[in-house]
PDB file of N, CA and C in Angstrom:
ATOM      1  N   MET A   1       0.830  -1.264  -0.033  1.00  0.00           N
ATOM      2  CA  MET A   1      -0.040  -0.022   0.006  1.00  0.00           C
ATOM      3  C   MET A   1       0.899   1.230   0.067  1.00  0.00           C
ATOM      4  N   SER A   2       0.607   2.035  -0.827  1.00  0.00           N
ATOM      5  CA  SER A   2       1.360   3.485  -0.867  1.00  0.00           C
ATOM      6  C   SER A   2       0.514   4.450  -0.221  1.00  0.00           C
ATOM      7  N   TRP A   3       1.320   4.744   1.058  1.00  0.00           N
ATOM      8  CA  TRP A   3       0.658   5.894   1.868  1.00  0.00           C
ATOM      9  C   TRP A   3       0.775   7.335   1.360  1.00  0.00           C
ATOM     10  N   ASP A   4       1.537   7.417   0.389  1.00  0.00           N
ATOM     11  CA  ASP A   4       1.835   8.768  -0.238  1.00  0.00           C
ATOM     12  C   ASP A   4       0.552   9.461  -0.682  1.00  0.00           C
ATOM     13  N   SER A   5      -0.388   8.551  -1.443  1.00  0.00           N
ATOM     14  CA  SER A   5      -1.544   9.080  -1.899  1.00  0.00           C
ATOM     15  C   SER A   5      -2.433   9.676  -0.884  1.00  0.00           C
ATOM     16  N   TYR A   6      -2.426   9.175   0.371  1.00  0.00           N
ATOM     17  CA  TYR A   6      -3.407   9.547   1.403  1.00  0.00           C
ATOM     18  C   TYR A   6      -2.710  10.834   2.011  1.00  0.00           C
ATOM     19  N   ARG A   7      -1.415  10.948   2.017  1.00  0.00           N
ATOM     20  CA  ARG A   7      -0.744  12.064   2.306  1.00  0.00           C
ATOM     21  C   ARG A   7      -1.048  13.231   1.365  1.00  0.00           C
ATOM     22  N   ASP A   8      -0.831  12.949   0.081  1.00  0.00           N
ATOM     23  CA  ASP A   8      -1.191  13.992  -0.915  1.00  0.00           C
ATOM     24  C   ASP A   8      -2.806  14.293  -0.893  1.00  0.00           C
ATOM     25  N   ASN A   9      -3.575  13.491  -0.729  1.00  0.00           N
ATOM     26  CA  ASN A   9      -4.951  13.883  -0.632  1.00  0.00           C
ATOM     27  C   ASN A   9      -5.092  15.051   0.544  1.00  0.00           C
ATOM     28  N   LEU A  10      -4.600  14.942   1.523  1.00  0.00           N
ATOM     29  CA  LEU A  10      -4.560  15.772   2.635  1.00  0.00           C
ATOM     30  C   LEU A  10      -3.968  17.095   2.243  1.00  0.00           C
ATOM     31  N   THR A  11      -2.844  17.293   1.680  1.00  0.00           N
ATOM     32  CA  THR A  11      -2.220  18.498   1.270  1.00  0.00           C
ATOM     33  C   THR A  11      -2.785  19.054   0.189  1.00  0.00           C
ATOM     34  N   GLN A  12      -3.377  18.401  -0.716  1.00  0.00           N
ATOM     35  CA  GLN A  12      -4.027  18.852  -2.022  1.00  0.00           C
ATOM     36  C   GLN A  12      -5.371  19.487  -1.727  1.00  0.00           C
ATOM     37  N   SER A  13      -5.934  19.302  -0.482  1.00  0.00           N
ATOM     38  CA  SER A  13      -7.205  19.655  -0.109  1.00  0.00           C
ATOM     39  C   SER A  13      -7.257  21.262   0.109  1.00  0.00           C
ATOM     40  N   GLY A  14      -6.013  21.874   0.229  1.00  0.00           N
ATOM     41  CA  GLY A  14      -5.999  23.271   0.453  1.00  0.00           C
ATOM     42  C   GLY A  14      -6.322  23.840   1.986  1.00  0.00           C
ATOM     43  N   SER A  15      -6.583  22.642   2.695  1.00  0.00           N
ATOM     44  CA  SER A  15      -6.701  23.159   4.163  1.00  0.00           C
ATOM     45  C   SER A  15      -5.558  22.455   5.059  1.00  0.00           C
ATOM     46  N   VAL A  16      -4.696  21.749   4.410  1.00  0.00           N
ATOM     47  CA  VAL A  16      -3.496  21.069   5.281  1.00  0.00           C
ATOM     48  C   VAL A  16      -2.379  21.629   4.661  1.00  0.00           C
ATOM     49  N   ASP A  17      -1.391  21.943   5.348  1.00  0.00           N
ATOM     50  CA  ASP A  17      -0.028  22.364   4.880  1.00  0.00           C
ATOM     51  C   ASP A  17       0.855  21.220   4.672  1.00  0.00           C
ATOM     52  N   LYS A  18       1.112  20.482   5.749  1.00  0.00           N
ATOM     53  CA  LYS A  18       1.850  19.416   5.702  1.00  0.00           C
ATOM     54  C   LYS A  18       1.252  18.205   6.381  1.00  0.00           C
ATOM     55  N   ALA A  19       1.600  17.032   6.088  1.00  0.00           N
ATOM     56  CA  ALA A  19       0.945  15.873   6.624  1.00  0.00           C
ATOM     57  C   ALA A  19       1.793  14.705   6.780  1.00  0.00           C
ATOM     58  N   ALA A  20       1.238  13.730   7.780  1.00  0.00           N
ATOM     59  CA  ALA A  20       2.295  12.525   7.815  1.00  0.00           C
ATOM     60  C   ALA A  20       1.253  11.532   8.316  1.00  0.00           C
ATOM     61  N   ILE A  21       1.497  10.102   8.051  1.00  0.00           N
ATOM     62  CA  ILE A  21       0.822   9.122   8.643  1.00  0.00           C
ATOM     63  C   ILE A  21       1.969   8.327   9.262  1.00  0.00           C
ATOM     64  N   CYS A  22       1.678   7.762  10.605  1.00  0.00           N
ATOM     65  CA  CYS A  22       2.571   7.098  11.371  1.00  0.00           C
ATOM     66  C   CYS A  22       2.064   5.873  11.928  1.00  0.00           C
ATOM     67  N   GLY A  23       2.890   4.888  12.170  1.00  0.00           N
ATOM     68  CA  GLY A  23       2.404   3.530  12.917  1.00  0.00           C
ATOM     69  C   GLY A  23       2.176   4.075  14.365  1.00  0.00           C
ATOM     70  N   LEU A  24       0.761   3.342  14.755  1.00  0.00           N
ATOM     71  CA  LEU A  24       0.469   3.722  16.179  1.00  0.00           C
ATOM     72  C   LEU A  24       1.350   3.123  17.297  1.00  0.00           C
ATOM     73  N   ASP A  25       1.669   1.708  16.861  1.00  0.00           N
ATOM     74  CA  ASP A  25       2.416   0.920  17.880  1.00  0.00           C
ATOM     75  C   ASP A  25       3.811   1.348  17.947  1.00  0.00           C
ATOM     76  N   ASP A  26       4.399   1.496  16.857  1.00  0.00           N
ATOM     77  CA  ASP A  26       5.862   1.728  16.812  1.00  0.00           C
ATOM     78  C   ASP A  26       6.393   3.119  16.666  1.00  0.00           C
ATOM     79  N   GLY A  27       5.462   3.970  16.153  1.00  0.00           N
ATOM     80  CA  GLY A  27       5.765   5.339  15.836  1.00  0.00           C
ATOM     81  C   GLY A  27       6.571   5.446  14.653  1.00  0.00           C
ATOM     82  N   ALA A  28       6.804   4.567  13.767  1.00  0.00           N
ATOM     83  CA  ALA A  28       7.382   4.619  12.453  1.00  0.00           C
ATOM     84  C   ALA A  28       6.660   5.461  11.522  1.00  0.00           C
ATOM     85  N   VAL A  29       7.313   6.388  10.935  1.00  0.00           N
ATOM     86  CA  VAL A  29       6.811   7.295  10.089  1.00  0.00           C
ATOM     87  C   VAL A  29       6.527   6.594   8.594  1.00  0.00           C
ATOM     88  N   TRP A  30       5.335   6.397   8.193  1.00  0.00           N
ATOM     89  CA  TRP A  30       4.902   5.702   7.072  1.00  0.00           C
ATOM     90  C   TRP A  30       5.064   6.379   5.775  1.00  0.00           C
ATOM     91  N   THR A  31       4.780   7.956   6.097  1.00  0.00           N
ATOM     92  CA  THR A  31       4.891   8.697   4.843  1.00  0.00           C
ATOM     93  C   THR A  31       4.742  10.230   5.534  1.00  0.00           C
ATOM     94  N   GLN A  32       5.488  11.253   5.058  1.00  0.00           N
ATOM     95  CA  GLN A  32       5.360  12.669   5.387  1.00  0.00           C
ATOM     96  C   GLN A  32       5.614  13.626   4.382  1.00  0.00           C
ATOM     97  N   SER A  33       5.226  14.627   4.378  1.00  0.00           N
ATOM     98  CA  SER A  33       5.253  15.814   3.468  1.00  0.00           C
ATOM     99  C   SER A  33       6.931  16.129   3.469  1.00  0.00           C
ATOM    100  N   ALA A  34       7.328  16.463   2.347  1.00  0.00           N
ATOM    101  CA  ALA A  34       8.718  17.238   2.177  1.00  0.00           C
ATOM    102  C   ALA A  34       8.759  18.401   3.122  1.00  0.00           C
ATOM    103  N   GLY A  35       9.978  18.447   3.832  1.00  0.00           N
ATOM    104  CA  GLY A  35      10.159  19.396   4.900  1.00  0.00           C
ATOM    105  C   GLY A  35       9.425  19.255   6.099  1.00  0.00           C
ATOM    106  N   PHE A  36       8.637  18.151   6.341  1.00  0.00           N
ATOM    107  CA  PHE A  36       8.120  17.903   7.550  1.00  0.00           C
ATOM    108  C   PHE A  36       8.692  16.690   8.126  1.00  0.00           C
ATOM    109  N   ASN A  37       9.889  17.056   8.857  1.00  0.00           N
ATOM    110  CA  ASN A  37      10.826  15.866   9.436  1.00  0.00           C
ATOM    111  C   ASN A  37      10.378  15.417  10.815  1.00  0.00           C
ATOM    112  N   LEU A  38       9.664  14.445  10.858  1.00  0.00           N
ATOM    113  CA  LEU A  38       9.298  13.984  12.288  1.00  0.00           C
ATOM    114  C   LEU A  38      10.346  13.024  12.801  1.00  0.00           C
ATOM    115  N   ALA A  39      10.706  13.355  13.982  1.00  0.00           N
ATOM    116  CA  ALA A  39      11.725  12.441  14.740  1.00  0.00           C
ATOM    117  C   ALA A  39      10.886  11.406  15.363  1.00  0.00           C
ATOM    118  N   PRO A  40      11.352  10.126  15.223  1.00  0.00           N
ATOM    119  CA  PRO A  40      10.717   9.030  15.945  1.00  0.00           C
ATOM    120  C   PRO A  40      10.384   9.296  17.414  1.00  0.00           C
ATOM    121  N   THR A  41      11.282  10.041  18.195  1.00  0.00           N
ATOM    122  CA  THR A  41      10.817  10.311  19.669  1.00  0.00           C
ATOM    123  C   THR A  41       9.608  11.117  19.623  1.00  0.00           C
ATOM    124  N   GLU A  42       9.449  12.131  18.648  1.00  0.00           N
ATOM    125  CA  GLU A  42       8.229  13.142  18.724  1.00  0.00           C
ATOM    126  C   GLU A  42       6.957  12.189  18.484  1.00  0.00           C
ATOM    127  N   VAL A  43       7.056  11.344  17.448  1.00  0.00           N
ATOM    128  CA  VAL A  43       5.941  10.406  17.153  1.00  0.00           C
ATOM    129  C   VAL A  43       5.565   9.505  18.487  1.00  0.00           C
ATOM    130  N   LYS A  44       6.655   8.881  19.023  1.00  0.00           N
ATOM    131  CA  LYS A  44       6.295   8.108  20.270  1.00  0.00           C
ATOM    132  C   LYS A  44       5.610   9.041  21.236  1.00  0.00           C
ATOM    133  N   VAL A  45       5.969  10.122  21.646  1.00  0.00           N
ATOM    134  CA  VAL A  45       5.425  10.972  22.615  1.00  0.00           C
ATOM    135  C   VAL A  45       4.003  11.245  22.189  1.00  0.00           C
ATOM    136  N   LEU A  46       3.807  11.544  20.991  1.00  0.00           N
ATOM    137  CA  LEU A  46       2.628  11.849  20.508  1.00  0.00           C
ATOM    138  C   LEU A  46       1.599  10.532  20.669  1.00  0.00           C
ATOM    139  N   THR A  47       2.008   9.542  20.028  1.00  0.00           N
ATOM    140  CA  THR A  47       1.099   8.402  20.213  1.00  0.00           C
ATOM    141  C   THR A  47       0.807   7.954  21.773  1.00  0.00           C
ATOM    142  N   ALA A  48       1.775   8.214  22.644  1.00  0.00           N
ATOM    143  CA  ALA A  48       1.625   7.651  23.915  1.00  0.00           C
ATOM    144  C   ALA A  48       0.498   8.762  24.558  1.00  0.00           C
ATOM    145  N   ALA A  49       0.380   9.917  24.076  1.00  0.00           N
ATOM    146  CA  ALA A  49      -0.451  11.028  24.619  1.00  0.00           C
ATOM    147  C   ALA A  49      -1.978  10.480  24.455  1.00  0.00           C
ATOM    148  N   PHE A  50      -2.227   9.515  23.652  1.00  0.00           N
ATOM    149  CA  PHE A  50      -3.615   9.094  23.491  1.00  0.00           C
ATOM    150  C   PHE A  50      -4.045   8.303  24.670  1.00  0.00           C
ATOM    151  N   GLN A  51      -3.085   7.580  25.322  1.00  0.00           N
ATOM    152  CA  GLN A  51      -3.256   6.952  26.662  1.00  0.00           C
ATOM    153  C   GLN A  51      -3.108   7.927  27.805  1.00  0.00           C
ATOM    154  N   ASP A  52      -2.305   8.617  27.854  1.00  0.00           N
ATOM    155  CA  ASP A  52      -2.038   9.632  28.950  1.00  0.00           C
ATOM    156  C   ASP A  52      -1.532  11.037  28.375  1.00  0.00           C
ATOM    157  N   PRO A  53      -2.297  11.902  28.395  1.00  0.00           N
ATOM    158  CA  PRO A  53      -2.084  13.196  27.609  1.00  0.00           C
ATOM    159  C   PRO A  53      -1.486  14.235  28.636  1.00  0.00           C
ATOM    160  N   SER A  54      -1.050  13.908  29.777  1.00  0.00           N
ATOM    161  CA  SER A  54      -0.561  14.700  30.726  1.00  0.00           C
ATOM    162  C   SER A  54       0.911  15.307  30.253  1.00  0.00           C
ATOM    163  N   ASN A  55       1.588  14.648  29.521  1.00  0.00           N
ATOM    164  CA  ASN A  55       2.865  14.944  29.036  1.00  0.00           C
ATOM    165  C   ASN A  55       2.589  16.429  28.015  1.00  0.00           C
ATOM    166  N   ILE A  56       1.836  16.004  27.002  1.00  0.00           N
ATOM    167  CA  ILE A  56       1.660  17.037  25.968  1.00  0.00           C
ATOM    168  C   ILE A  56       0.834  18.283  26.551  1.00  0.00           C
ATOM    169  N   ARG A  57       0.051  17.925  27.553  1.00  0.00           N
ATOM    170  CA  ARG A  57      -0.695  19.197  28.146  1.00  0.00           C
ATOM    171  C   ARG A  57       0.195  20.002  28.908  1.00  0.00           C
ATOM    172  N   ALA A  58       1.244  19.522  29.446  1.00  0.00           N
ATOM    173  CA  ALA A  58       2.334  20.328  30.392  1.00  0.00           C
ATOM    174  C   ALA A  58       3.330  20.752  29.477  1.00  0.00           C
ATOM    175  N   SER A  59       3.732  19.959  28.465  1.00  0.00           N
ATOM    176  CA  SER A  59       5.083  20.449  27.791  1.00  0.00           C
ATOM    177  C   SER A  59       4.709  20.794  26.327  1.00  0.00           C
ATOM    178  N   GLY A  60       3.624  20.684  25.726  1.00  0.00           N
ATOM    179  CA  GLY A  60       3.135  20.959  24.404  1.00  0.00           C
ATOM    180  C   GLY A  60       3.446  19.858  23.452  1.00  0.00           C
ATOM    181  N   ILE A  61       3.222  19.977  22.177  1.00  0.00           N
ATOM    182  CA  ILE A  61       3.292  19.068  21.104  1.00  0.00           C
ATOM    183  C   ILE A  61       4.455  19.437  20.112  1.00  0.00           C
ATOM    184  N   ASN A  62       5.493  18.577  20.190  1.00  0.00           N
ATOM    185  CA  ASN A  62       6.705  18.891  19.244  1.00  0.00           C
ATOM    186  C   ASN A  62       6.739  18.063  18.313  1.00  0.00           C
ATOM    187  N   LEU A  63       6.525  18.569  16.986  1.00  0.00           N
ATOM    188  CA  LEU A  63       6.510  17.791  15.633  1.00  0.00           C
ATOM    189  C   LEU A  63       7.135  18.550  14.647  1.00  0.00           C
ATOM    190  N   GLY A  64       8.220  17.882  14.039  1.00  0.00           N
ATOM    191  CA  GLY A  64       9.064  18.391  13.087  1.00  0.00           C
ATOM    192  C   GLY A  64       9.855  19.836  13.332  1.00  0.00           C
ATOM    193  N   GLY A  65      10.106  19.912  14.737  1.00  0.00           N
ATOM    194  CA  GLY A  65      11.008  20.997  15.104  1.00  0.00           C
ATOM    195  C   GLY A  65      10.089  22.214  15.481  1.00  0.00           C
ATOM    196  N   THR A  66       8.894  21.980  15.467  1.00  0.00           N
ATOM    197  CA  THR A  66       7.924  23.056  15.939  1.00  0.00           C
ATOM    198  C   THR A  66       7.178  22.605  17.075  1.00  0.00           C
ATOM    199  N   LYS A  67       6.872  23.582  18.141  1.00  0.00           N
ATOM    200  CA  LYS A  67       6.232  23.181  19.450  1.00  0.00           C
ATOM    201  C   LYS A  67       4.888  23.962  19.427  1.00  0.00           C
ATOM    202  N   TYR A  68       3.845  23.062  19.608  1.00  0.00           N
ATOM    203  CA  TYR A  68       2.501  23.602  19.625  1.00  0.00           C
ATOM    204  C   TYR A  68       1.853  23.532  20.992  1.00  0.00           C
ATOM    205  N   PHE A  69       1.052  24.362  21.491  1.00  0.00           N
ATOM    206  CA  PHE A  69       0.345  24.453  22.599  1.00  0.00           C
ATOM    207  C   PHE A  69      -0.924  23.368  22.502  1.00  0.00           C
ATOM    208  N   CYS A  70      -0.849  22.517  23.371  1.00  0.00           N
ATOM    209  CA  CYS A  70      -2.024  21.509  23.459  1.00  0.00           C
ATOM    210  C   CYS A  70      -3.449  22.117  23.753  1.00  0.00           C
ATOM    211  N   LEU A  71      -4.194  22.318  22.641  1.00  0.00           N
ATOM    212  CA  LEU A  71      -5.639  22.757  23.019  1.00  0.00           C
ATOM    213  C   LEU A  71      -6.601  21.842  23.510  1.00  0.00           C
ATOM    214  N   GLN A  72      -6.519  20.586  22.866  1.00  0.00           N
ATOM    215  CA  GLN A  72      -7.701  19.656  23.213  1.00  0.00           C
ATOM    216  C   GLN A  72      -7.081  18.373  22.881  1.00  0.00           C
ATOM    217  N   THR A  73      -7.519  17.272  23.622  1.00  0.00           N
ATOM    218  CA  THR A  73      -7.118  15.982  23.450  1.00  0.00           C
ATOM    219  C   THR A  73      -8.091  15.066  24.058  1.00  0.00           C
ATOM    220  N   ASP A  74      -8.246  13.809  23.357  1.00  0.00           N
ATOM    221  CA  ASP A  74      -8.961  12.813  24.083  1.00  0.00           C
ATOM    222  C   ASP A  74      -8.392  11.367  23.470  1.00  0.00           C
ATOM    223  N   ASP A  75      -9.152  10.349  23.519  1.00  0.00           N
ATOM    224  CA  ASP A  75      -8.535   9.058  23.241  1.00  0.00           C
ATOM    225  C   ASP A  75      -8.425   8.812  21.666  1.00  0.00           C
ATOM    226  N   CYS A  76      -8.922   9.836  20.918  1.00  0.00           N
ATOM    227  CA  CYS A  76      -8.765   9.592  19.446  1.00  0.00           C
ATOM    228  C   CYS A  76      -8.368  10.812  18.591  1.00  0.00           C
ATOM    229  N   GLN A  77      -8.164  11.992  19.201  1.00  0.00           N
ATOM    230  CA  GLN A  77      -7.773  13.072  18.603  1.00  0.00           C
ATOM    231  C   GLN A  77      -6.936  14.125  19.443  1.00  0.00           C
ATOM    232  N   ILE A  78      -6.230  14.899  18.718  1.00  0.00           N
ATOM    233  CA  ILE A  78      -5.315  15.781  19.552  1.00  0.00           C
ATOM    234  C   ILE A  78      -5.316  17.125  18.754  1.00  0.00           C
ATOM    235  N   GLN A  79      -5.233  18.366  19.336  1.00  0.00           N
ATOM    236  CA  GLN A  79      -5.377  19.581  18.567  1.00  0.00           C
ATOM    237  C   GLN A  79      -4.385  20.531  19.172  1.00  0.00           C
ATOM    238  N   GLY A  80      -3.557  21.115  18.489  1.00  0.00           N
ATOM    239  CA  GLY A  80      -2.591  21.998  18.908  1.00  0.00           C
ATOM    240  C   GLY A  80      -2.510  23.366  18.197  1.00  0.00           C
ATOM    241  N   ARG A  81      -1.892  24.208  18.769  1.00  0.00           N
ATOM    242  CA  ARG A  81      -1.648  25.739  18.157  1.00  0.00           C
ATOM    243  C   ARG A  81      -0.554  26.274  18.377  1.00  0.00           C
ATOM    244  N   LYS A  82       0.126  26.926  17.475  1.00  0.00           N
ATOM    245  CA  LYS A  82       1.025  28.002  17.798  1.00  0.00           C
ATOM    246  C   LYS A  82       0.910  29.164  16.852  1.00  0.00           C
ATOM    247  N   GLY A  83       0.405  30.213  17.687  1.00  0.00           N
ATOM    248  CA  GLY A  83       0.210  31.448  16.792  1.00  0.00           C
ATOM    249  C   GLY A  83      -1.086  31.392  15.918  1.00  0.00           C
ATOM    250  N   SER A  84      -0.845  31.539  14.661  1.00  0.00           N
ATOM    251  CA  SER A  84      -1.909  31.380  13.561  1.00  0.00           C
ATOM    252  C   SER A  84      -1.842  30.020  12.918  1.00  0.00           C
ATOM    253  N   SER A  85      -0.902  29.184  13.358  1.00  0.00           N
ATOM    254  CA  SER A  85      -0.780  27.734  12.745  1.00  0.00           C
ATOM    255  C   SER A  85      -1.153  26.775  13.829  1.00  0.00           C
ATOM    256  N   GLY A  86      -1.172  25.606  13.335  1.00  0.00           N
ATOM    257  CA  GLY A  86      -1.586  24.536  14.388  1.00  0.00           C
ATOM    258  C   GLY A  86      -1.512  23.099  13.680  1.00  0.00           C
ATOM    259  N   VAL A  87      -1.920  22.194  14.595  1.00  0.00           N
ATOM    260  CA  VAL A  87      -1.696  20.603  14.082  1.00  0.00           C
ATOM    261  C   VAL A  87      -3.021  20.086  14.698  1.00  0.00           C
ATOM    262  N   SER A  88      -3.542  19.125  13.746  1.00  0.00           N
ATOM    263  CA  SER A  88      -4.518  18.091  14.175  1.00  0.00           C
ATOM    264  C   SER A  88      -4.057  16.849  13.854  1.00  0.00           C
ATOM    265  N   VAL A  89      -4.301  16.012  14.921  1.00  0.00           N
ATOM    266  CA  VAL A  89      -3.971  14.513  14.795  1.00  0.00           C
ATOM    267  C   VAL A  89      -5.096  13.582  15.229  1.00  0.00           C
ATOM    268  N   ALA A  90      -5.321  12.659  14.330  1.00  0.00           N
ATOM    269  CA  ALA A  90      -6.422  11.643  14.548  1.00  0.00           C
ATOM    270  C   ALA A  90      -5.787  10.291  14.604  1.00  0.00           C
ATOM    271  N   LYS A  91      -6.227   9.288  15.588  1.00  0.00           N
ATOM    272  CA  LYS A  91      -5.897   8.174  15.723  1.00  0.00           C
ATOM    273  C   LYS A  91      -6.969   7.127  15.146  1.00  0.00           C
ATOM    274  N   SER A  92      -6.365   6.180  14.259  1.00  0.00           N
ATOM    275  CA  SER A  92      -7.212   5.092  13.900  1.00  0.00           C
ATOM    276  C   SER A  92      -6.709   3.801  14.595  1.00  0.00           C
ATOM    277  N   GLY A  93      -7.155   2.600  14.083  1.00  0.00           N
ATOM    278  CA  GLY A  93      -6.940   1.499  14.902  1.00  0.00           C
ATOM    279  C   GLY A  93      -5.355   1.022  14.725  1.00  0.00           C
ATOM    280  N   ARG A  94      -4.661   1.439  13.670  1.00  0.00           N
ATOM    281  CA  ARG A  94      -3.135   1.022  13.639  1.00  0.00           C
ATOM    282  C   ARG A  94      -2.286   2.338  13.240  1.00  0.00           C
ATOM    283  N   CYS A  95      -2.739   3.359  13.075  1.00  0.00           N
ATOM    284  CA  CYS A  95      -2.052   4.592  12.653  1.00  0.00           C
ATOM    285  C   CYS A  95      -2.582   5.812  13.112  1.00  0.00           C
ATOM    286  N   VAL A  96      -1.710   6.748  13.127  1.00  0.00           N
ATOM    287  CA  VAL A  96      -1.894   8.273  13.338  1.00  0.00           C
ATOM    288  C   VAL A  96      -1.809   9.078  12.164  1.00  0.00           C
ATOM    289  N   ILE A  97      -2.806   9.844  11.914  1.00  0.00           N
ATOM    290  CA  ILE A  97      -2.844  10.879  10.793  1.00  0.00           C
ATOM    291  C   ILE A  97      -2.467  12.280  11.378  1.00  0.00           C
ATOM    292  N   ILE A  98      -1.455  12.860  10.839  1.00  0.00           N
ATOM    293  CA  ILE A  98      -1.178  14.350  11.212  1.00  0.00           C
ATOM    294  C   ILE A  98      -1.216  15.255  10.220  1.00  0.00           C
ATOM    295  N   GLY A  99      -1.983  16.440  10.446  1.00  0.00           N
ATOM    296  CA  GLY A  99      -2.002  17.502   9.526  1.00  0.00           C
ATOM    297  C   GLY A  99      -1.665  18.898  10.135  1.00  0.00           C
ATOM    298  N   THR A 100      -0.906  19.599   9.503  1.00  0.00           N
ATOM    299  CA  THR A 100      -0.709  20.987   9.997  1.00  0.00           C
ATOM    300  C   THR A 100      -1.310  21.917   9.327  1.00  0.00           C
ATOM    301  N   TYR A 101      -1.740  23.147   9.705  1.00  0.00           N
ATOM    302  CA  TYR A 101      -2.187  24.186   9.005  1.00  0.00           C
ATOM    303  C   TYR A 101      -1.247  25.496   9.267  1.00  0.00           C
ATOM    304  N   ILE A 102      -1.386  26.509   8.520  1.00  0.00           N
ATOM    305  CA  ILE A 102      -0.719  27.700   8.476  1.00  0.00           C
ATOM    306  C   ILE A 102      -1.651  28.898   8.365  1.00  0.00           C
ATOM    307  N   ASP A 103      -1.073  29.924   8.591  1.00  0.00           N
ATOM    308  CA  ASP A 103      -1.990  31.257   8.526  1.00  0.00           C
ATOM    309  C   ASP A 103      -2.604  31.309   7.084  1.00  0.00           C
ATOM    310  N   GLY A 104      -3.899  31.508   7.052  1.00  0.00           N
ATOM    311  CA  GLY A 104      -4.781  31.481   6.036  1.00  0.00           C
ATOM    312  C   GLY A 104      -5.607  30.162   5.884  1.00  0.00           C
ATOM    313  N   GLN A 105      -5.134  29.250   6.512  1.00  0.00           N
ATOM    314  CA  GLN A 105      -6.007  27.966   6.553  1.00  0.00           C
ATOM    315  C   GLN A 105      -6.726  27.864   7.860  1.00  0.00           C
ATOM    316  N   GLN A 106      -7.961  27.254   7.991  1.00  0.00           N
ATOM    317  CA  GLN A 106      -8.672  27.150   8.973  1.00  0.00           C
ATOM    318  C   GLN A 106      -8.435  25.856   9.984  1.00  0.00           C
ATOM    319  N   ALA A 107      -8.384  25.827  11.216  1.00  0.00           N
ATOM    320  CA  ALA A 107      -8.189  24.828  11.986  1.00  0.00           C
ATOM    321  C   ALA A 107      -9.306  23.761  11.903  1.00  0.00           C
ATOM    322  N   GLY A 108     -10.549  24.110  11.754  1.00  0.00           N
ATOM    323  CA  GLY A 108     -11.625  23.214  11.638  1.00  0.00           C
ATOM    324  C   GLY A 108     -11.615  22.290  10.398  1.00  0.00           C
ATOM    325  N   ASN A 109     -11.197  23.172   9.242  1.00  0.00           N
ATOM    326  CA  ASN A 109     -10.950  22.563   7.911  1.00  0.00           C
ATOM    327  C   ASN A 109      -9.930  21.374   7.885  1.00  0.00           C
ATOM    328  N   CYS A 110      -8.895  21.781   8.599  1.00  0.00           N
ATOM    329  CA  CYS A 110      -7.753  20.886   8.605  1.00  0.00           C
ATOM    330  C   CYS A 110      -8.151  19.612   9.506  1.00  0.00           C
ATOM    331  N   ARG A 111      -8.876  19.760  10.627  1.00  0.00           N
ATOM    332  CA  ARG A 111      -9.299  18.685  11.481  1.00  0.00           C
ATOM    333  C   ARG A 111     -10.136  17.905  10.560  1.00  0.00           C
ATOM    334  N   LYS A 112     -11.082  18.544   9.884  1.00  0.00           N
ATOM    335  CA  LYS A 112     -12.092  17.570   9.131  1.00  0.00           C
ATOM    336  C   LYS A 112     -11.461  16.840   7.971  1.00  0.00           C
ATOM    337  N   GLU A 113     -10.374  17.386   7.484  1.00  0.00           N
ATOM    338  CA  GLU A 113      -9.614  16.613   6.352  1.00  0.00           C
ATOM    339  C   GLU A 113      -8.968  15.336   7.045  1.00  0.00           C
ATOM    340  N   VAL A 114      -8.187  15.729   8.225  1.00  0.00           N
ATOM    341  CA  VAL A 114      -7.595  14.624   8.808  1.00  0.00           C
ATOM    342  C   VAL A 114      -8.417  13.576   9.372  1.00  0.00           C
ATOM    343  N   GLU A 115      -9.660  13.905   9.825  1.00  0.00           N
ATOM    344  CA  GLU A 115     -10.495  12.910  10.468  1.00  0.00           C
ATOM    345  C   GLU A 115     -11.162  11.994   9.281  1.00  0.00           C
ATOM    346  N   THR A 116     -11.318  12.754   8.118  1.00  0.00           N
ATOM    347  CA  THR A 116     -11.862  12.064   7.014  1.00  0.00           C
ATOM    348  C   THR A 116     -10.975  10.946   6.490  1.00  0.00           C
ATOM    349  N   ILE A 117      -9.722  11.201   6.513  1.00  0.00           N
ATOM    350  CA  ILE A 117      -8.719  10.216   6.124  1.00  0.00           C
ATOM    351  C   ILE A 117      -8.723   9.163   7.221  1.00  0.00           C
ATOM    352  N   ARG A 118      -8.767   9.616   8.393  1.00  0.00           N
ATOM    353  CA  ARG A 118      -8.744   8.615   9.619  1.00  0.00           C
ATOM    354  C   ARG A 118      -9.912   7.646   9.581  1.00  0.00           C
ATOM    355  N   ASP A 119     -11.063   8.220   9.238  1.00  0.00           N
ATOM    356  CA  ASP A 119     -12.273   7.415   9.285  1.00  0.00           C
ATOM    357  C   ASP A 119     -12.150   6.334   7.976  1.00  0.00           C
ATOM    358  N   TYR A 120     -11.729   6.877   7.008  1.00  0.00           N
ATOM    359  CA  TYR A 120     -11.388   5.971   5.579  1.00  0.00           C
ATOM    360  C   TYR A 120     -10.559   4.840   6.049  1.00  0.00           C
ATOM    361  N   LEU A 121      -9.353   5.185   6.497  1.00  0.00           N
ATOM    362  CA  LEU A 121      -8.432   4.142   6.863  1.00  0.00           C
ATOM    363  C   LEU A 121      -8.942   3.104   8.043  1.00  0.00           C
ATOM    364  N   ARG A 122      -9.605   3.815   8.970  1.00  0.00           N
ATOM    365  CA  ARG A 122     -10.267   2.678   9.904  1.00  0.00           C
ATOM    366  C   ARG A 122     -11.262   1.759   9.448  1.00  0.00           C
ATOM    367  N   ASN A 123     -11.949   2.179   8.502  1.00  0.00           N
ATOM    368  CA  ASN A 123     -12.976   1.425   7.794  1.00  0.00           C
ATOM    369  C   ASN A 123     -12.265   0.301   7.009  1.00  0.00           C
ATOM    370  N   ARG A 124     -10.985   0.476   6.644  1.00  0.00           N
ATOM    371  CA  ARG A 124     -10.322  -0.625   5.748  1.00  0.00           C
ATOM    372  C   ARG A 124      -9.176  -1.323   6.751  1.00  0.00           C
ATOM    373  N   GLY A 125      -9.413  -1.190   7.996  1.00  0.00           N
ATOM    374  CA  GLY A 125      -8.730  -1.887   8.954  1.00  0.00           C
ATOM    375  C   GLY A 125      -7.305  -1.364   9.361  1.00  0.00           C
ATOM    376  N   TYR A 126      -7.207  -0.129   9.103  1.00  0.00           N
ATOM    377  CA  TYR A 126      -6.054   0.538   9.518  1.00  0.00           C
ATOM    378  C   TYR A 126      -6.406   1.490  10.815  1.00  0.00           C
TER     379      TYR A 126
END
């Protein structure tokens, strides 16, 4: 399966600046946008936050060298913000979908696109 097409669907929507899809269990990066360099430790901290969000609530969300303030989190989604940009993260059964937005893009639209891909992948066993 090529994960690049799912990443491209996100970024070509006009609502997502950069995107990545990572394994939920091991934090491996399956695909990521050019210039969105996720460190394995960043992904592991992020995936662990679905079980215990206290770390990202206290310290923020670090992804690709950018630190976001954690706005909202629960067992299937995480929202973060830095100024007029932010990040939306959604968890499916086997992976995590990450989308960032920048000034001029809307947080709600980014979240909708990320959750649409999450729902699609979840319905296909991912």
